[in-house]
Amino acid sequence: MKKIIVIAVAAIALSSLALGQKRNKPTPNSGIEQQVMNLERELHRAINDSNTATVERLEANDFKLIQSDGNEIGREFDVQNTSTKVTRLESGNPEEMNVRVYRDTAVVTGRLVNRVREERVYKFTDVWVKRQGRWQIVVSHYTQMK
């Protein structure tokens, strides 16, 4: 009898732990995931087309871009680079994207191929936050793959 009670208590404890872990997982919402992926593509298309209005709309005022070498670029500098085509990408569509949604925050990871002078492949992590009903990118980090 004692063995059955011990097994029952262990089963309840383990199921409680499993339920507790589910709360920490991203919110499953494919609609939001698709929306953020579309915004990610729209941002890269805007950079390619030197569309500063779209870049300004999608990047938050406190946006930071962290480059492979550790340099940080703010929104104003990034918009200026976009307008002068400094950041122009020949093929800048994000690939292999994965979006995880945590309420009003979305984390996007993926791969980007830049073919301006030579092919360079980057892995990126972008953080989007929903503010006042719209998604904006707040942080972006790129690492060049060798």
C-alpha atoms as a PDB file:
ATOM      1  CA  MET A   1       0.000   0.000   0.000  1.00  0.00           C
ATOM      2  CA  LYS A   2       2.824   2.364   0.875  1.00  0.00           C
ATOM      3  CA  LYS A   3       4.394   1.647  -2.521  1.00  0.00           C
ATOM      4  CA  ILE A   4       1.205   2.720  -4.329  1.00  0.00           C
ATOM      5  CA  ILE A   5       1.011   5.974  -2.349  1.00  0.00           C
ATOM      6  CA  VAL A   6       4.663   6.769  -3.108  1.00  0.00           C
ATOM      7  CA  ILE A   7       4.115   6.070  -6.823  1.00  0.00           C
ATOM      8  CA  ALA A   8       0.956   8.228  -6.861  1.00  0.00           C
ATOM      9  CA  VAL A   9       2.709  11.136  -5.131  1.00  0.00           C
ATOM     10  CA  ALA A  10       5.647  10.860  -7.549  1.00  0.00           C
ATOM     11  CA  ALA A  11       3.292  10.834 -10.551  1.00  0.00           C
ATOM     12  CA  ILE A  12       1.477  13.942  -9.286  1.00  0.00           C
ATOM     13  CA  ALA A  13       4.770  15.741  -8.623  1.00  0.00           C
ATOM     14  CA  LEU A  14       6.135  14.888 -12.065  1.00  0.00           C
ATOM     15  CA  SER A  15       2.939  15.988 -13.813  1.00  0.00           C
ATOM     16  CA  SER A  16       3.061  19.288 -11.871  1.00  0.00           C
ATOM     17  CA  LEU A  17       6.614  19.857 -13.056  1.00  0.00           C
ATOM     18  CA  ALA A  18       5.637  19.129 -16.644  1.00  0.00           C
ATOM     19  CA  LEU A  19       2.714  21.582 -16.468  1.00  0.00           C
ATOM     20  CA  GLY A  20       4.969  24.224 -14.934  1.00  0.00           C
ATOM     21  CA  GLN A  21       7.435  23.893 -17.801  1.00  0.00           C
ATOM     22  CA  LYS A  22       4.733  24.502 -20.389  1.00  0.00           C
ATOM     23  CA  ARG A  23       4.227  28.030 -19.047  1.00  0.00           C
ATOM     24  CA  ASN A  24       7.782  28.987 -20.016  1.00  0.00           C
ATOM     25  CA  LYS A  25       7.416  27.873 -23.624  1.00  0.00           C
ATOM     26  CA  PRO A  26       6.635  30.410 -26.347  1.00  0.00           C
ATOM     27  CA  THR A  27       2.991  31.173 -26.968  1.00  0.00           C
ATOM     28  CA  PRO A  28       1.875  29.049 -29.916  1.00  0.00           C
ATOM     29  CA  ASN A  29       0.400  31.578 -32.336  1.00  0.00           C
ATOM     30  CA  SER A  30       1.163  30.910 -35.962  1.00  0.00           C
ATOM     31  CA  GLY A  31      -0.703  34.069 -37.018  1.00  0.00           C
ATOM     32  CA  ILE A  32       1.669  36.297 -35.070  1.00  0.00           C
ATOM     33  CA  GLU A  33       4.680  34.252 -36.171  1.00  0.00           C
ATOM     34  CA  GLN A  34       3.693  34.725 -39.817  1.00  0.00           C
ATOM     35  CA  GLN A  35       3.059  38.430 -39.279  1.00  0.00           C
ATOM     36  CA  VAL A  36       6.506  38.938 -37.756  1.00  0.00           C
ATOM     37  CA  MET A  37       8.162  36.933 -40.571  1.00  0.00           C
ATOM     38  CA  ASN A  38       6.400  39.175 -43.092  1.00  0.00           C
ATOM     39  CA  LEU A  39       7.620  42.275 -41.251  1.00  0.00           C
ATOM     40  CA  GLU A  40      11.149  40.849 -41.250  1.00  0.00           C
ATOM     41  CA  ARG A  41      10.971  40.400 -45.044  1.00  0.00           C
ATOM     42  CA  GLU A  42       9.452  43.865 -45.471  1.00  0.00           C
ATOM     43  CA  LEU A  43      12.303  45.427 -43.476  1.00  0.00           C
ATOM     44  CA  HIS A  44      14.976  43.715 -45.577  1.00  0.00           C
ATOM     45  CA  ARG A  45      13.173  44.652 -48.789  1.00  0.00           C
ATOM     46  CA  ALA A  46      13.043  48.280 -47.591  1.00  0.00           C
ATOM     47  CA  ILE A  47      16.789  48.258 -46.902  1.00  0.00           C
ATOM     48  CA  ASN A  48      17.440  46.804 -50.368  1.00  0.00           C
ATOM     49  CA  ASP A  49      15.209  49.437 -51.998  1.00  0.00           C
ATOM     50  CA  SER A  50      16.544  52.330 -49.860  1.00  0.00           C
ATOM     51  CA  ASN A  51      13.016  52.876 -48.529  1.00  0.00           C
ATOM     52  CA  THR A  52      13.766  54.935 -45.440  1.00  0.00           C
ATOM     53  CA  ALA A  53      10.098  55.570 -44.605  1.00  0.00           C
ATOM     54  CA  THR A  54       9.498  51.847 -44.117  1.00  0.00           C
ATOM     55  CA  VAL A  55      12.723  51.419 -42.146  1.00  0.00           C
ATOM     56  CA  GLU A  56      11.716  54.305 -39.866  1.00  0.00           C
ATOM     57  CA  ARG A  57       8.253  52.791 -39.373  1.00  0.00           C
ATOM     58  CA  LEU A  58       9.563  49.306 -38.529  1.00  0.00           C
ATOM     59  CA  GLU A  59      12.568  50.257 -36.383  1.00  0.00           C
ATOM     60  CA  ALA A  60      11.790  51.502 -32.884  1.00  0.00           C
ATOM     61  CA  ASN A  61      13.270  54.845 -31.817  1.00  0.00           C
ATOM     62  CA  ASP A  62      15.604  52.977 -29.457  1.00  0.00           C
ATOM     63  CA  PHE A  63      16.620  50.403 -32.117  1.00  0.00           C
ATOM     64  CA  LYS A  64      20.162  48.991 -31.921  1.00  0.00           C
ATOM     65  CA  LEU A  65      21.994  46.925 -34.517  1.00  0.00           C
ATOM     66  CA  ILE A  66      24.952  44.948 -33.190  1.00  0.00           C
ATOM     67  CA  GLN A  67      27.323  43.966 -35.972  1.00  0.00           C
ATOM     68  CA  SER A  68      29.676  40.971 -36.174  1.00  0.00           C
ATOM     69  CA  ASP A  69      32.602  43.096 -35.009  1.00  0.00           C
ATOM     70  CA  GLY A  70      30.692  44.293 -31.940  1.00  0.00           C
ATOM     71  CA  ASN A  71      29.959  47.802 -33.216  1.00  0.00           C
ATOM     72  CA  GLU A  72      26.551  49.158 -32.308  1.00  0.00           C
ATOM     73  CA  ILE A  73      24.509  51.261 -34.683  1.00  0.00           C
ATOM     74  CA  GLY A  74      21.434  53.224 -33.672  1.00  0.00           C
ATOM     75  CA  ARG A  75      18.275  53.865 -35.670  1.00  0.00           C
ATOM     76  CA  GLU A  76      19.298  57.290 -36.974  1.00  0.00           C
ATOM     77  CA  PHE A  77      22.585  55.996 -38.385  1.00  0.00           C
ATOM     78  CA  ASP A  78      20.885  52.906 -39.838  1.00  0.00           C
ATOM     79  CA  VAL A  79      18.253  55.042 -41.613  1.00  0.00           C
ATOM     80  CA  GLN A  80      21.012  57.302 -42.963  1.00  0.00           C
ATOM     81  CA  ASN A  81      22.903  54.247 -44.264  1.00  0.00           C
ATOM     82  CA  THR A  82      19.724  53.011 -45.910  1.00  0.00           C
ATOM     83  CA  SER A  83      19.136  56.322 -47.682  1.00  0.00           C
ATOM     84  CA  THR A  84      22.708  56.410 -49.036  1.00  0.00           C
ATOM     85  CA  LYS A  85      22.605  52.709 -49.978  1.00  0.00           C
ATOM     86  CA  VAL A  86      25.575  51.925 -47.723  1.00  0.00           C
ATOM     87  CA  THR A  87      23.702  48.894 -46.377  1.00  0.00           C
ATOM     88  CA  ARG A  88      22.292  47.803 -49.737  1.00  0.00           C
ATOM     89  CA  LEU A  89      22.133  44.055 -50.129  1.00  0.00           C
ATOM     90  CA  GLU A  90      21.972  42.372 -53.494  1.00  0.00           C
ATOM     91  CA  SER A  91      20.156  39.402 -52.030  1.00  0.00           C
ATOM     92  CA  GLY A  92      18.941  40.260 -48.593  1.00  0.00           C
ATOM     93  CA  ASN A  93      15.981  37.998 -48.046  1.00  0.00           C
ATOM     94  CA  PRO A  94      16.026  36.301 -44.682  1.00  0.00           C
ATOM     95  CA  GLU A  95      15.975  32.511 -44.868  1.00  0.00           C
ATOM     96  CA  GLU A  96      15.460  29.649 -42.448  1.00  0.00           C
ATOM     97  CA  MET A  97      13.548  31.926 -40.078  1.00  0.00           C
ATOM     98  CA  ASN A  98      12.280  30.709 -36.752  1.00  0.00           C
ATOM     99  CA  VAL A  99       9.955  32.914 -34.701  1.00  0.00           C
ATOM    100  CA  ARG A 100       9.223  32.448 -31.007  1.00  0.00           C
ATOM    101  CA  VAL A 101       6.501  34.616 -29.498  1.00  0.00           C
ATOM    102  CA  TYR A 102       6.398  35.611 -25.831  1.00  0.00           C
ATOM    103  CA  ARG A 103       3.254  37.740 -25.414  1.00  0.00           C
ATOM    104  CA  ASP A 104       4.243  41.134 -26.890  1.00  0.00           C
ATOM    105  CA  THR A 105       7.796  40.090 -27.790  1.00  0.00           C
ATOM    106  CA  ALA A 106       8.942  38.006 -30.740  1.00  0.00           C
ATOM    107  CA  VAL A 107      12.447  36.613 -31.234  1.00  0.00           C
ATOM    108  CA  VAL A 108      13.422  35.841 -34.823  1.00  0.00           C
ATOM    109  CA  THR A 109      16.473  33.797 -35.745  1.00  0.00           C
ATOM    110  CA  GLY A 110      17.551  33.053 -39.262  1.00  0.00           C
ATOM    111  CA  ARG A 111      20.098  33.228 -42.036  1.00  0.00           C
ATOM    112  CA  LEU A 112      20.852  36.037 -44.476  1.00  0.00           C
ATOM    113  CA  VAL A 113      22.963  35.872 -47.629  1.00  0.00           C
ATOM    114  CA  ASN A 114      24.575  39.108 -48.805  1.00  0.00           C
ATOM    115  CA  ARG A 115      25.912  39.049 -52.354  1.00  0.00           C
ATOM    116  CA  VAL A 116      27.138  42.610 -52.896  1.00  0.00           C
ATOM    117  CA  ARG A 117      30.828  42.049 -53.644  1.00  0.00           C
ATOM    118  CA  GLU A 118      31.241  38.465 -52.561  1.00  0.00           C
ATOM    119  CA  GLU A 119      28.857  36.059 -50.956  1.00  0.00           C
ATOM    120  CA  ARG A 120      28.691  36.467 -47.207  1.00  0.00           C
ATOM    121  CA  VAL A 121      26.403  34.421 -45.018  1.00  0.00           C
ATOM    122  CA  TYR A 122      25.107  35.762 -41.717  1.00  0.00           C
ATOM    123  CA  LYS A 123      23.121  34.315 -38.866  1.00  0.00           C
ATOM    124  CA  PHE A 124      20.867  36.834 -37.180  1.00  0.00           C
ATOM    125  CA  THR A 125      18.732  37.311 -34.113  1.00  0.00           C
ATOM    126  CA  ASP A 126      16.103  40.052 -34.177  1.00  0.00           C
ATOM    127  CA  VAL A 127      13.850  41.083 -31.311  1.00  0.00           C
ATOM    128  CA  TRP A 128      10.456  42.604 -32.139  1.00  0.00           C
ATOM    129  CA  VAL A 129       8.172  44.211 -29.546  1.00  0.00           C
ATOM    130  CA  LYS A 130       4.508  45.063 -29.940  1.00  0.00           C
ATOM    131  CA  ARG A 131       3.990  48.658 -28.809  1.00  0.00           C
ATOM    132  CA  GLN A 132       0.730  50.553 -29.118  1.00  0.00           C
ATOM    133  CA  GLY A 133      -0.718  47.832 -31.337  1.00  0.00           C
ATOM    134  CA  ARG A 134       2.154  47.522 -33.829  1.00  0.00           C
ATOM    135  CA  TRP A 135       5.299  45.430 -34.062  1.00  0.00           C
ATOM    136  CA  GLN A 136       8.689  47.169 -34.168  1.00  0.00           C
ATOM    137  CA  ILE A 137      12.193  45.789 -34.190  1.00  0.00           C
ATOM    138  CA  VAL A 138      14.203  46.899 -31.139  1.00  0.00           C
ATOM    139  CA  VAL A 139      17.431  44.884 -31.398  1.00  0.00           C
ATOM    140  CA  SER A 140      19.201  43.127 -34.235  1.00  0.00           C
ATOM    141  CA  HIS A 141      22.409  41.118 -34.072  1.00  0.00           C
ATOM    142  CA  TYR A 142      24.262  39.670 -37.059  1.00  0.00           C
ATOM    143  CA  THR A 143      27.175  37.274 -37.020  1.00  0.00           C
ATOM    144  CA  GLN A 144      29.093  36.495 -40.200  1.00  0.00           C
ATOM    145  CA  MET A 145      29.579  32.798 -40.822  1.00  0.00           C
ATOM    146  CA  LYS A 146      32.929  31.613 -42.065  1.00  0.00           C
END
